[in-house]
Structures are given as C-alpha cells and as structure tokens.
C-alpha atoms as a PDB file:
ATOM      1  CA  UNK A   1       0.120   0.094  -0.083  1.00  0.00           C
ATOM      2  CA  UNK A   2       2.602   2.562   0.870  1.00  0.00           C
ATOM      3  CA  UNK A   3       4.541   1.509  -2.061  1.00  0.00           C
ATOM      4  CA  UNK A   4       1.673   2.618  -4.541  1.00  0.00           C
ATOM      5  CA  UNK A   5       1.487   5.929  -2.816  1.00  0.00           C
ATOM      6  CA  UNK A   6       5.279   6.401  -2.893  1.00  0.00           C
ATOM      7  CA  UNK A   7       5.120   5.342  -6.785  1.00  0.00           C
ATOM      8  CA  UNK A   8       2.251   7.923  -7.660  1.00  0.00           C
ATOM      9  CA  UNK A   9       4.360  10.649  -5.898  1.00  0.00           C
ATOM     10  CA  UNK A  10       7.542   9.860  -7.981  1.00  0.00           C
ATOM     11  CA  UNK A  11       5.391   9.818 -11.257  1.00  0.00           C
ATOM     12  CA  UNK A  12       3.871  13.216 -10.403  1.00  0.00           C
ATOM     13  CA  UNK A  13       7.408  14.454  -9.995  1.00  0.00           C
ATOM     14  CA  UNK A  14       8.569  13.130 -13.267  1.00  0.00           C
ATOM     15  CA  UNK A  15       5.670  14.590 -14.847  1.00  0.00           C
ATOM     16  CA  UNK A  16       6.259  18.306 -13.469  1.00  0.00           C
ATOM     17  CA  UNK A  17      10.065  18.670 -12.886  1.00  0.00           C
ATOM     18  CA  UNK A  18       9.927  22.604 -13.032  1.00  0.00           C
ATOM     19  CA  UNK A  19       6.752  22.687 -10.750  1.00  0.00           C
ATOM     20  CA  UNK A  20       8.482  20.092  -8.247  1.00  0.00           C
ATOM     21  CA  UNK A  21      11.600  22.302  -8.404  1.00  0.00           C
ATOM     22  CA  UNK A  22       9.719  25.503  -7.618  1.00  0.00           C
ATOM     23  CA  UNK A  23       7.807  23.850  -5.001  1.00  0.00           C
ATOM     24  CA  UNK A  24      11.140  22.892  -3.317  1.00  0.00           C
ATOM     25  CA  UNK A  25      12.460  26.416  -3.864  1.00  0.00           C
ATOM     26  CA  UNK A  26       9.377  27.896  -2.054  1.00  0.00           C
ATOM     27  CA  UNK A  27       9.878  25.199   0.870  1.00  0.00           C
ATOM     28  CA  UNK A  28      13.608  26.003   1.117  1.00  0.00           C
ATOM     29  CA  UNK A  29      12.952  29.852   1.527  1.00  0.00           C
ATOM     30  CA  UNK A  30      10.106  29.046   4.263  1.00  0.00           C
ATOM     31  CA  UNK A  31      12.607  27.076   5.907  1.00  0.00           C
ATOM     32  CA  UNK A  32      15.189  29.678   5.870  1.00  0.00           C
ATOM     33  CA  UNK A  33      12.615  32.460   6.696  1.00  0.00           C
ATOM     34  CA  UNK A  34      11.240  30.372   9.844  1.00  0.00           C
ATOM     35  CA  UNK A  35      14.891  29.813  11.076  1.00  0.00           C
ATOM     36  CA  UNK A  36      15.714  33.611  11.092  1.00  0.00           C
ATOM     37  CA  UNK A  37      12.553  33.965  12.868  1.00  0.00           C
ATOM     38  CA  UNK A  38      13.347  31.405  15.372  1.00  0.00           C
ATOM     39  CA  UNK A  39      16.891  33.096  15.904  1.00  0.00           C
ATOM     40  CA  UNK A  40      14.998  36.490  16.363  1.00  0.00           C
ATOM     41  CA  UNK A  41      12.782  35.104  18.946  1.00  0.00           C
ATOM     42  CA  UNK A  42      15.567  33.713  20.701  1.00  0.00           C
ATOM     43  CA  UNK A  43      17.437  37.080  20.691  1.00  0.00           C
ATOM     44  CA  UNK A  44      14.126  38.642  22.152  1.00  0.00           C
ATOM     45  CA  UNK A  45      14.040  35.979  24.944  1.00  0.00           C
ATOM     46  CA  UNK A  46      17.534  36.633  25.750  1.00  0.00           C
ATOM     47  CA  UNK A  47      16.841  40.692  26.124  1.00  0.00           C
ATOM     48  CA  UNK A  48      13.589  40.288  27.872  1.00  0.00           C
ATOM     49  CA  UNK A  49      13.209  42.235  31.052  1.00  0.00           C
ATOM     50  CA  UNK A  50      10.020  42.040  33.222  1.00  0.00           C
ATOM     51  CA  UNK A  51       7.457  39.380  33.607  1.00  0.00           C
ATOM     52  CA  UNK A  52       5.444  40.614  30.575  1.00  0.00           C
ATOM     53  CA  UNK A  53       8.206  40.778  28.320  1.00  0.00           C
ATOM     54  CA  UNK A  54       9.521  37.471  29.251  1.00  0.00           C
ATOM     55  CA  UNK A  55       6.175  35.809  28.890  1.00  0.00           C
ATOM     56  CA  UNK A  56       5.657  37.481  25.322  1.00  0.00           C
ATOM     57  CA  UNK A  57       9.202  36.280  24.339  1.00  0.00           C
ATOM     58  CA  UNK A  58       8.436  32.788  25.364  1.00  0.00           C
ATOM     59  CA  UNK A  59       5.246  32.711  23.609  1.00  0.00           C
ATOM     60  CA  UNK A  60       7.075  34.081  20.335  1.00  0.00           C
ATOM     61  CA  UNK A  61       9.812  31.618  20.870  1.00  0.00           C
ATOM     62  CA  UNK A  62       7.275  28.664  20.962  1.00  0.00           C
ATOM     63  CA  UNK A  63       5.368  29.868  18.200  1.00  0.00           C
ATOM     64  CA  UNK A  64       8.691  30.382  16.082  1.00  0.00           C
ATOM     65  CA  UNK A  65      10.046  26.856  17.074  1.00  0.00           C
ATOM     66  CA  UNK A  66       6.736  25.274  15.842  1.00  0.00           C
ATOM     67  CA  UNK A  67       6.693  26.918  12.548  1.00  0.00           C
ATOM     68  CA  UNK A  68      10.215  26.121  11.927  1.00  0.00           C
ATOM     69  CA  UNK A  69       9.491  22.431  12.957  1.00  0.00           C
ATOM     70  CA  UNK A  70       6.564  22.406  10.648  1.00  0.00           C
ATOM     71  CA  UNK A  71       8.671  23.928   7.649  1.00  0.00           C
ATOM     72  CA  UNK A  72      11.509  21.328   8.270  1.00  0.00           C
ATOM     73  CA  UNK A  73       8.954  18.501   8.223  1.00  0.00           C
ATOM     74  CA  UNK A  74       7.689  19.797   4.814  1.00  0.00           C
ATOM     75  CA  UNK A  75      11.196  19.826   3.480  1.00  0.00           C
ATOM     76  CA  UNK A  76      11.802  16.237   4.746  1.00  0.00           C
ATOM     77  CA  UNK A  77       8.685  15.083   2.918  1.00  0.00           C
ATOM     78  CA  UNK A  78       9.854  16.522  -0.525  1.00  0.00           C
ATOM     79  CA  UNK A  79      13.312  14.720   0.237  1.00  0.00           C
ATOM     80  CA  UNK A  80      15.153  18.473  -0.104  1.00  0.00           C
ATOM     81  CA  UNK A  81      18.870  18.433  -0.203  1.00  0.00           C
ATOM     82  CA  UNK A  82      19.612  21.457   1.880  1.00  0.00           C
ATOM     83  CA  UNK A  83      23.221  21.849   0.861  1.00  0.00           C
ATOM     84  CA  UNK A  84      22.143  21.824  -2.886  1.00  0.00           C
ATOM     85  CA  UNK A  85      19.230  24.201  -2.216  1.00  0.00           C
ATOM     86  CA  UNK A  86      22.122  26.547  -0.377  1.00  0.00           C
ATOM     87  CA  UNK A  87      24.190  26.541  -3.352  1.00  0.00           C
ATOM     88  CA  UNK A  88      21.265  27.293  -5.632  1.00  0.00           C
ATOM     89  CA  UNK A  89      20.421  30.201  -3.261  1.00  0.00           C
ATOM     90  CA  UNK A  90      24.025  31.431  -3.729  1.00  0.00           C
ATOM     91  CA  UNK A  91      23.769  31.087  -7.368  1.00  0.00           C
ATOM     92  CA  UNK A  92      20.412  32.951  -7.819  1.00  0.00           C
ATOM     93  CA  UNK A  93      21.810  35.726  -5.549  1.00  0.00           C
ATOM     94  CA  UNK A  94      25.015  36.226  -7.761  1.00  0.00           C
ATOM     95  CA  UNK A  95      22.847  36.238 -10.806  1.00  0.00           C
ATOM     96  CA  UNK A  96      20.771  38.969  -9.405  1.00  0.00           C
ATOM     97  CA  UNK A  97      23.725  41.369  -9.147  1.00  0.00           C
END
C-alpha cells in the first residue's frame, strides 16, 4: 500500500519537474525564513526584562520553534537536499547582481 502511494508521488514528480523544483525552492525559502524568525525570537527572549516581556518572548519563541518544525517536516517530505538548495540560493543571489 505505501509503495503505491510512493510510486504515484514519484510519477507526479517526473511529470512536472519545474513545478516540483519551484515547490522545493519555496519550501527552502520558508525554512530559511522560519529559521531567522526563530533566531530573532531567541534574541528577544535573551533580552527580555520584566515578567510581561518574558512571557511574550516565550510565546514568540514557542511559536517560531513550531513554525520551524513544520517547515522542516515539509522539506523532509519533499526529500530536499539542503546543501544543494543553499548552493542554488548563492547562484540565484549572484545572478541578481
């Protein structure tokens, strides 16, 4: 049963390689963005002073961690290669300038 599901997914990928690549690129950018959000939330937590700021920072940190986990899970489902996507990010950045 799982084999059939996997085979259908592979067939869909073979039919639309550009669309699949674009989906991977969007997912990669989502992961990078959520990683930066998590880092900012971590800094906010470290700088928090007073109970209200600490409570808010904890809330933001937990939300950012969950979002990051969700995006990483989606990337894993797509069998993304992070190193290859990072090289593409560098290549795209260089071609823009």
